[in-house]
PDB file of all heavy atoms in Angstrom:
ATOM      1  N   PRO A   1      79.291   9.762  25.338  1.00  0.00           N
ATOM      2  CA  PRO A   1      80.105  10.338  24.185  1.00  0.00           C
ATOM      3  C   PRO A   1      79.956   9.545  22.897  1.00  0.00           C
ATOM      4  O   PRO A   1      80.129  10.118  21.855  1.00  0.00           O
ATOM      5  CB  PRO A   1      81.491  10.345  24.742  1.00  0.00           C
ATOM      6  CG  PRO A   1      81.537   9.270  25.780  1.00  0.00           C
ATOM      7  CD  PRO A   1      80.140   9.321  26.452  1.00  0.00           C
ATOM      8  N   THR A   2      79.641   8.286  22.965  1.00  0.00           N
ATOM      9  CA  THR A   2      79.563   7.488  21.776  1.00  0.00           C
ATOM     10  C   THR A   2      78.102   7.346  21.288  1.00  0.00           C
ATOM     11  O   THR A   2      77.832   6.671  20.332  1.00  0.00           O
ATOM     12  CB  THR A   2      80.103   6.071  21.976  1.00  0.00           C
ATOM     13  OG1 THR A   2      79.411   5.386  23.046  1.00  0.00           O
ATOM     14  CG2 THR A   2      81.605   6.066  22.346  1.00  0.00           C
ATOM     15  N   GLY A   3      77.193   7.996  22.001  1.00  0.00           N
ATOM     16  CA  GLY A   3      75.733   7.894  21.611  1.00  0.00           C
ATOM     17  C   GLY A   3      75.432   8.794  20.480  1.00  0.00           C
ATOM     18  O   GLY A   3      76.140   9.729  20.115  1.00  0.00           O
ATOM     19  N   SER A   4      74.242   8.430  19.883  1.00  0.00           N
ATOM     20  CA  SER A   4      73.673   9.254  18.828  1.00  0.00           C
ATOM     21  C   SER A   4      72.254   9.082  18.726  1.00  0.00           C
ATOM     22  O   SER A   4      71.672   8.064  19.306  1.00  0.00           O
ATOM     23  CB  SER A   4      74.377   8.914  17.468  1.00  0.00           C
ATOM     24  OG  SER A   4      74.045   7.581  17.148  1.00  0.00           O
ATOM     25  N   LEU A   5      71.518   9.982  18.160  1.00  0.00           N
ATOM     26  CA  LEU A   5      70.107   9.962  18.008  1.00  0.00           C
ATOM     27  C   LEU A   5      69.739   9.731  16.575  1.00  0.00           C
ATOM     28  O   LEU A   5      70.044  10.547  15.661  1.00  0.00           O
ATOM     29  CB  LEU A   5      69.434  11.221  18.544  1.00  0.00           C
ATOM     30  CG  LEU A   5      67.955  11.420  18.298  1.00  0.00           C
ATOM     31  CD1 LEU A   5      67.162  10.404  19.147  1.00  0.00           C
ATOM     32  CD2 LEU A   5      67.475  12.822  18.575  1.00  0.00           C
ATOM     33  N   ARG A   6      69.039   8.591  16.284  1.00  0.00           N
ATOM     34  CA  ARG A   6      68.572   8.367  14.887  1.00  0.00           C
ATOM     35  C   ARG A   6      67.172   8.861  14.884  1.00  0.00           C
ATOM     36  O   ARG A   6      66.223   8.286  15.455  1.00  0.00           O
ATOM     37  CB  ARG A   6      68.629   6.916  14.642  1.00  0.00           C
ATOM     38  CG  ARG A   6      68.164   6.517  13.217  1.00  0.00           C
ATOM     39  CD  ARG A   6      68.421   5.084  12.852  1.00  0.00           C
ATOM     40  NE  ARG A   6      69.878   4.817  12.802  1.00  0.00           N
ATOM     41  CZ  ARG A   6      70.659   4.980  11.708  1.00  0.00           C
ATOM     42  NH1 ARG A   6      70.069   5.477  10.596  1.00  0.00           N
ATOM     43  NH2 ARG A   6      71.901   4.725  11.720  1.00  0.00           N
ATOM     44  N   THR A   7      66.936   9.970  14.211  1.00  0.00           N
ATOM     45  CA  THR A   7      65.675  10.690  14.200  1.00  0.00           C
ATOM     46  C   THR A   7      64.729  10.040  13.246  1.00  0.00           C
ATOM     47  O   THR A   7      65.073   9.276  12.352  1.00  0.00           O
ATOM     48  CB  THR A   7      65.929  12.134  13.790  1.00  0.00           C
ATOM     49  OG1 THR A   7      66.277  12.195  12.387  1.00  0.00           O
ATOM     50  CG2 THR A   7      66.929  12.788  14.621  1.00  0.00           C
ATOM     51  N   PRO A   8      63.415  10.304  13.445  1.00  0.00           N
ATOM     52  CA  PRO A   8      62.344   9.791  12.499  1.00  0.00           C
ATOM     53  C   PRO A   8      62.672  10.132  11.038  1.00  0.00           C
ATOM     54  O   PRO A   8      62.353   9.391  10.165  1.00  0.00           O
ATOM     55  CB  PRO A   8      61.033  10.393  12.960  1.00  0.00           C
ATOM     56  CG  PRO A   8      61.289  10.691  14.404  1.00  0.00           C
ATOM     57  CD  PRO A   8      62.759  11.034  14.531  1.00  0.00           C
ATOM     58  N   ALA A   9      63.285  11.288  10.874  1.00  0.00           N
ATOM     59  CA  ALA A   9      63.628  11.781   9.472  1.00  0.00           C
ATOM     60  C   ALA A   9      64.522  10.783   8.766  1.00  0.00           C
ATOM     61  O   ALA A   9      64.546  10.608   7.546  1.00  0.00           O
ATOM     62  CB  ALA A   9      64.161  13.135   9.476  1.00  0.00           C
ATOM     63  N   SER A  10      65.370  10.114   9.606  1.00  0.00           N
ATOM     64  CA  SER A  10      66.324   9.214   8.940  1.00  0.00           C
ATOM     65  C   SER A  10      65.675   7.981   8.454  1.00  0.00           C
ATOM     66  O   SER A  10      66.220   7.261   7.560  1.00  0.00           O
ATOM     67  CB  SER A  10      67.443   8.772   9.991  1.00  0.00           C
ATOM     68  OG  SER A  10      66.791   8.010  11.011  1.00  0.00           O
ATOM     69  N   HIS A  11      64.471   7.624   8.961  1.00  0.00           N
ATOM     70  CA  HIS A  11      63.636   6.534   8.458  1.00  0.00           C
ATOM     71  C   HIS A  11      62.747   6.951   7.332  1.00  0.00           C
ATOM     72  O   HIS A  11      62.404   6.102   6.456  1.00  0.00           O
ATOM     73  CB  HIS A  11      62.876   5.920   9.601  1.00  0.00           C
ATOM     74  CG  HIS A  11      63.703   5.391  10.735  1.00  0.00           C
ATOM     75  ND1 HIS A  11      64.460   4.275  10.645  1.00  0.00           N
ATOM     76  CD2 HIS A  11      63.900   5.897  11.964  1.00  0.00           C
ATOM     77  CE1 HIS A  11      65.088   4.093  11.804  1.00  0.00           C
ATOM     78  NE2 HIS A  11      64.809   5.086  12.655  1.00  0.00           N
ATOM     79  N   LEU A  12      62.292   8.123   7.297  1.00  0.00           N
ATOM     80  CA  LEU A  12      61.284   8.507   6.324  1.00  0.00           C
ATOM     81  C   LEU A  12      61.922   8.955   4.962  1.00  0.00           C
ATOM     82  O   LEU A  12      61.313   8.828   3.925  1.00  0.00           O
ATOM     83  CB  LEU A  12      60.485   9.732   6.855  1.00  0.00           C
ATOM     84  CG  LEU A  12      59.680   9.447   8.147  1.00  0.00           C
ATOM     85  CD1 LEU A  12      59.007  10.741   8.687  1.00  0.00           C
ATOM     86  CD2 LEU A  12      58.632   8.372   7.793  1.00  0.00           C
ATOM     87  N   LEU A  13      63.131   9.475   5.016  1.00  0.00           N
ATOM     88  CA  LEU A  13      63.789   9.986   3.759  1.00  0.00           C
ATOM     89  C   LEU A  13      64.262   8.742   2.939  1.00  0.00           C
ATOM     90  O   LEU A  13      64.645   7.743   3.469  1.00  0.00           O
ATOM     91  CB  LEU A  13      64.986  10.863   4.124  1.00  0.00           C
ATOM     92  CG  LEU A  13      64.646  12.179   4.798  1.00  0.00           C
ATOM     93  CD1 LEU A  13      65.970  12.953   5.176  1.00  0.00           C
ATOM     94  CD2 LEU A  13      63.809  13.053   3.730  1.00  0.00           C
ATOM     95  N   PRO A  14      64.217   8.909   1.578  1.00  0.00           N
ATOM     96  CA  PRO A  14      64.739   7.858   0.744  1.00  0.00           C
ATOM     97  C   PRO A  14      66.271   7.686   0.943  1.00  0.00           C
ATOM     98  O   PRO A  14      66.980   8.513   1.377  1.00  0.00           O
ATOM     99  CB  PRO A  14      64.458   8.374  -0.639  1.00  0.00           C
ATOM    100  CG  PRO A  14      64.348   9.865  -0.484  1.00  0.00           C
ATOM    101  CD  PRO A  14      63.773  10.078   0.854  1.00  0.00           C
ATOM    102  N   GLY A  15      66.718   6.449   0.580  1.00  0.00           N
ATOM    103  CA  GLY A  15      68.101   6.099   0.733  1.00  0.00           C
ATOM    104  C   GLY A  15      69.068   7.064   0.047  1.00  0.00           C
ATOM    105  O   GLY A  15      70.135   7.376   0.588  1.00  0.00           O
ATOM    106  N   ALA A  16      68.673   7.575  -1.128  1.00  0.00           N
ATOM    107  CA  ALA A  16      69.550   8.475  -1.871  1.00  0.00           C
ATOM    108  C   ALA A  16      69.769   9.722  -1.092  1.00  0.00           C
ATOM    109  O   ALA A  16      70.887  10.352  -1.027  1.00  0.00           O
ATOM    110  CB  ALA A  16      68.937   8.817  -3.184  1.00  0.00           C
ATOM    111  N   ALA A  17      68.686  10.213  -0.362  1.00  0.00           N
ATOM    112  CA  ALA A  17      68.866  11.387   0.401  1.00  0.00           C
ATOM    113  C   ALA A  17      69.690  11.156   1.625  1.00  0.00           C
ATOM    114  O   ALA A  17      70.578  11.999   2.066  1.00  0.00           O
ATOM    115  CB  ALA A  17      67.483  11.902   0.860  1.00  0.00           C
ATOM    116  N   ARG A  18      69.500  10.038   2.295  1.00  0.00           N
ATOM    117  CA  ARG A  18      70.262   9.708   3.504  1.00  0.00           C
ATOM    118  C   ARG A  18      71.761   9.493   3.219  1.00  0.00           C
ATOM    119  O   ARG A  18      72.630   9.723   4.060  1.00  0.00           O
ATOM    120  CB  ARG A  18      69.717   8.432   4.160  1.00  0.00           C
ATOM    121  CG  ARG A  18      68.343   8.552   4.724  1.00  0.00           C
ATOM    122  CD  ARG A  18      68.061   7.465   5.637  1.00  0.00           C
ATOM    123  NE  ARG A  18      68.243   6.155   5.140  1.00  0.00           N
ATOM    124  CZ  ARG A  18      67.372   5.394   4.494  1.00  0.00           C
ATOM    125  NH1 ARG A  18      66.144   5.941   4.308  1.00  0.00           N
ATOM    126  NH2 ARG A  18      67.642   4.233   3.985  1.00  0.00           N
ATOM    127  N   ALA A  19      72.063   9.135   1.954  1.00  0.00           N
ATOM    128  CA  ALA A  19      73.464   8.970   1.512  1.00  0.00           C
ATOM    129  C   ALA A  19      74.143  10.250   1.436  1.00  0.00           C
ATOM    130  O   ALA A  19      75.382  10.222   1.542  1.00  0.00           O
ATOM    131  CB  ALA A  19      73.541   8.182   0.211  1.00  0.00           C
ATOM    132  N   ASN A  20      73.470  11.322   1.274  1.00  0.00           N
ATOM    133  CA  ASN A  20      74.079  12.670   1.295  1.00  0.00           C
ATOM    134  C   ASN A  20      74.765  13.001   2.621  1.00  0.00           C
ATOM    135  O   ASN A  20      74.036  12.761   3.677  1.00  0.00           O
ATOM    136  CB  ASN A  20      73.043  13.779   0.935  1.00  0.00           C
ATOM    137  CG  ASN A  20      73.678  15.124   0.904  1.00  0.00           C
ATOM    138  OD1 ASN A  20      73.824  15.777   1.908  1.00  0.00           O
ATOM    139  ND2 ASN A  20      74.029  15.548  -0.300  1.00  0.00           N
ATOM    140  N   GLU A  21      75.979  13.411   2.646  1.00  0.00           N
ATOM    141  CA  GLU A  21      76.700  13.541   3.887  1.00  0.00           C
ATOM    142  C   GLU A  21      76.003  14.532   4.869  1.00  0.00           C
ATOM    143  O   GLU A  21      75.824  14.297   6.041  1.00  0.00           O
ATOM    144  CB  GLU A  21      78.130  14.045   3.625  1.00  0.00           C
ATOM    145  CG  GLU A  21      78.941  14.183   4.875  1.00  0.00           C
ATOM    146  CD  GLU A  21      80.391  14.665   4.622  1.00  0.00           C
ATOM    147  OE1 GLU A  21      80.689  14.910   3.384  1.00  0.00           O
ATOM    148  OE2 GLU A  21      81.160  14.809   5.545  1.00  0.00           O
ATOM    149  N   LEU A  22      75.608  15.698   4.311  1.00  0.00           N
ATOM    150  CA  LEU A  22      74.951  16.720   5.155  1.00  0.00           C
ATOM    151  C   LEU A  22      73.593  16.201   5.695  1.00  0.00           C
ATOM    152  O   LEU A  22      73.354  16.350   6.902  1.00  0.00           O
ATOM    153  CB  LEU A  22      74.746  18.010   4.339  1.00  0.00           C
ATOM    154  CG  LEU A  22      74.037  19.143   5.078  1.00  0.00           C
ATOM    155  CD1 LEU A  22      74.809  19.580   6.263  1.00  0.00           C
ATOM    156  CD2 LEU A  22      73.782  20.330   4.112  1.00  0.00           C
ATOM    157  N   ILE A  23      72.782  15.607   4.834  1.00  0.00           N
ATOM    158  CA  ILE A  23      71.540  15.134   5.299  1.00  0.00           C
ATOM    159  C   ILE A  23      71.640  13.968   6.285  1.00  0.00           C
ATOM    160  O   ILE A  23      70.942  13.912   7.288  1.00  0.00           O
ATOM    161  CB  ILE A  23      70.684  14.653   4.088  1.00  0.00           C
ATOM    162  CG1 ILE A  23      70.346  15.877   3.178  1.00  0.00           C
ATOM    163  CG2 ILE A  23      69.350  13.979   4.554  1.00  0.00           C
ATOM    164  CD1 ILE A  23      69.570  15.533   1.961  1.00  0.00           C
ATOM    165  N   GLY A  24      72.684  13.131   6.034  1.00  0.00           N
ATOM    166  CA  GLY A  24      72.960  12.098   6.966  1.00  0.00           C
ATOM    167  C   GLY A  24      73.321  12.586   8.352  1.00  0.00           C
ATOM    168  O   GLY A  24      72.801  12.082   9.417  1.00  0.00           O
ATOM    169  N   GLN A  25      74.028  13.686   8.427  1.00  0.00           N
ATOM    170  CA  GLN A  25      74.448  14.299   9.677  1.00  0.00           C
ATOM    171  C   GLN A  25      73.246  14.936  10.392  1.00  0.00           C
ATOM    172  O   GLN A  25      73.128  14.922  11.611  1.00  0.00           O
ATOM    173  CB  GLN A  25      75.538  15.278   9.534  1.00  0.00           C
ATOM    174  CG  GLN A  25      76.885  14.713   9.076  1.00  0.00           C
ATOM    175  CD  GLN A  25      77.897  15.782   8.722  1.00  0.00           C
ATOM    176  OE1 GLN A  25      77.522  16.886   8.399  1.00  0.00           O
ATOM    177  NE2 GLN A  25      79.134  15.372   8.788  1.00  0.00           N
ATOM    178  N   MET A  26      72.357  15.512   9.592  1.00  0.00           N
ATOM    179  CA  MET A  26      71.135  16.151  10.167  1.00  0.00           C
ATOM    180  C   MET A  26      70.214  15.170  10.832  1.00  0.00           C
ATOM    181  O   MET A  26      69.550  15.487  11.841  1.00  0.00           O
ATOM    182  CB  MET A  26      70.415  16.894   9.099  1.00  0.00           C
ATOM    183  CG  MET A  26      71.118  18.146   8.494  1.00  0.00           C
ATOM    184  SD  MET A  26      70.098  18.924   7.239  1.00  0.00           S
ATOM    185  CE  MET A  26      71.115  20.339   6.779  1.00  0.00           C
ATOM    186  N   THR A  27      70.131  13.947  10.240  1.00  0.00           N
ATOM    187  CA  THR A  27      69.078  13.033  10.705  1.00  0.00           C
ATOM    188  C   THR A  27      69.614  11.939  11.688  1.00  0.00           C
ATOM    189  O   THR A  27      68.816  11.293  12.379  1.00  0.00           O
ATOM    190  CB  THR A  27      68.509  12.303   9.480  1.00  0.00           C
ATOM    191  OG1 THR A  27      69.537  11.732   8.718  1.00  0.00           O
ATOM    192  CG2 THR A  27      67.757  13.311   8.594  1.00  0.00           C
ATOM    193  N   VAL A  28      70.933  11.751  11.723  1.00  0.00           N
ATOM    194  CA  VAL A  28      71.567  10.903  12.785  1.00  0.00           C
ATOM    195  C   VAL A  28      72.566  11.746  13.504  1.00  0.00           C
ATOM    196  O   VAL A  28      73.623  12.033  13.000  1.00  0.00           O
ATOM    197  CB  VAL A  28      72.212   9.670  12.140  1.00  0.00           C
ATOM    198  CG1 VAL A  28      72.821   8.782  13.199  1.00  0.00           C
ATOM    199  CG2 VAL A  28      71.202   8.882  11.263  1.00  0.00           C
ATOM    200  N   ARG A  29      72.161  12.158  14.735  1.00  0.00           N
ATOM    201  CA  ARG A  29      72.905  13.221  15.417  1.00  0.00           C
ATOM    202  C   ARG A  29      73.711  12.625  16.540  1.00  0.00           C
ATOM    203  O   ARG A  29      73.234  12.104  17.529  1.00  0.00           O
ATOM    204  CB  ARG A  29      71.904  14.232  15.904  1.00  0.00           C
ATOM    205  CG  ARG A  29      70.944  14.774  14.873  1.00  0.00           C
ATOM    206  CD  ARG A  29      70.081  15.912  15.325  1.00  0.00           C
ATOM    207  NE  ARG A  29      70.842  17.123  15.462  1.00  0.00           N
ATOM    208  CZ  ARG A  29      71.020  17.989  14.535  1.00  0.00           C
ATOM    209  NH1 ARG A  29      70.427  17.853  13.368  1.00  0.00           N
ATOM    210  NH2 ARG A  29      71.728  19.112  14.803  1.00  0.00           N
ATOM    211  N   PRO A  30      75.061  12.783  16.467  1.00  0.00           N
ATOM    212  CA  PRO A  30      75.903  12.322  17.506  1.00  0.00           C
ATOM    213  C   PRO A  30      75.868  13.250  18.719  1.00  0.00           C
ATOM    214  O   PRO A  30      75.514  14.417  18.576  1.00  0.00           O
ATOM    215  CB  PRO A  30      77.326  12.370  16.884  1.00  0.00           C
ATOM    216  CG  PRO A  30      77.246  13.495  15.900  1.00  0.00           C
ATOM    217  CD  PRO A  30      75.763  13.417  15.317  1.00  0.00           C
ATOM    218  N   PHE A  31      76.117  12.715  19.909  1.00  0.00           N
ATOM    219  CA  PHE A  31      76.118  13.513  21.098  1.00  0.00           C
ATOM    220  C   PHE A  31      77.462  14.228  21.324  1.00  0.00           C
ATOM    221  O   PHE A  31      77.476  15.215  22.147  1.00  0.00           O
ATOM    222  CB  PHE A  31      75.848  12.699  22.346  1.00  0.00           C
ATOM    223  CG  PHE A  31      74.465  11.931  22.307  1.00  0.00           C
ATOM    224  CD1 PHE A  31      74.216  10.802  23.084  1.00  0.00           C
ATOM    225  CD2 PHE A  31      73.477  12.431  21.465  1.00  0.00           C
ATOM    226  CE1 PHE A  31      72.960  10.204  23.058  1.00  0.00           C
ATOM    227  CE2 PHE A  31      72.245  11.841  21.475  1.00  0.00           C
ATOM    228  CZ  PHE A  31      72.013  10.686  22.178  1.00  0.00           C
ATOM    229  N   ALA A  32      78.517  13.724  20.766  1.00  0.00           N
ATOM    230  CA  ALA A  32      79.860  14.274  20.981  1.00  0.00           C
ATOM    231  C   ALA A  32      80.757  13.996  19.813  1.00  0.00           C
ATOM    232  O   ALA A  32      80.463  13.035  19.061  1.00  0.00           O
ATOM    233  CB  ALA A  32      80.459  13.784  22.288  1.00  0.00           C
ATOM    234  N   GLN A  33      81.814  14.783  19.633  1.00  0.00           N
ATOM    235  CA  GLN A  33      82.880  14.442  18.767  1.00  0.00           C
ATOM    236  C   GLN A  33      83.862  13.622  19.565  1.00  0.00           C
ATOM    237  O   GLN A  33      84.509  14.156  20.497  1.00  0.00           O
ATOM    238  CB  GLN A  33      83.610  15.728  18.183  1.00  0.00           C
ATOM    239  CG  GLN A  33      82.706  16.379  17.129  1.00  0.00           C
ATOM    240  CD  GLN A  33      83.374  17.622  16.598  1.00  0.00           C
ATOM    241  OE1 GLN A  33      82.768  18.570  16.234  1.00  0.00           O
ATOM    242  NE2 GLN A  33      84.750  17.525  16.437  1.00  0.00           N
TER     243      GLN A  33
END
């Protein structure tokens, strides 16, 4: 439940993009709420 997947997109996108809340959620995906 506390796990998450840090996708390759989270490493390839610039920091400004990753700081966006929606993009951050898309690229680092939790397994559970």
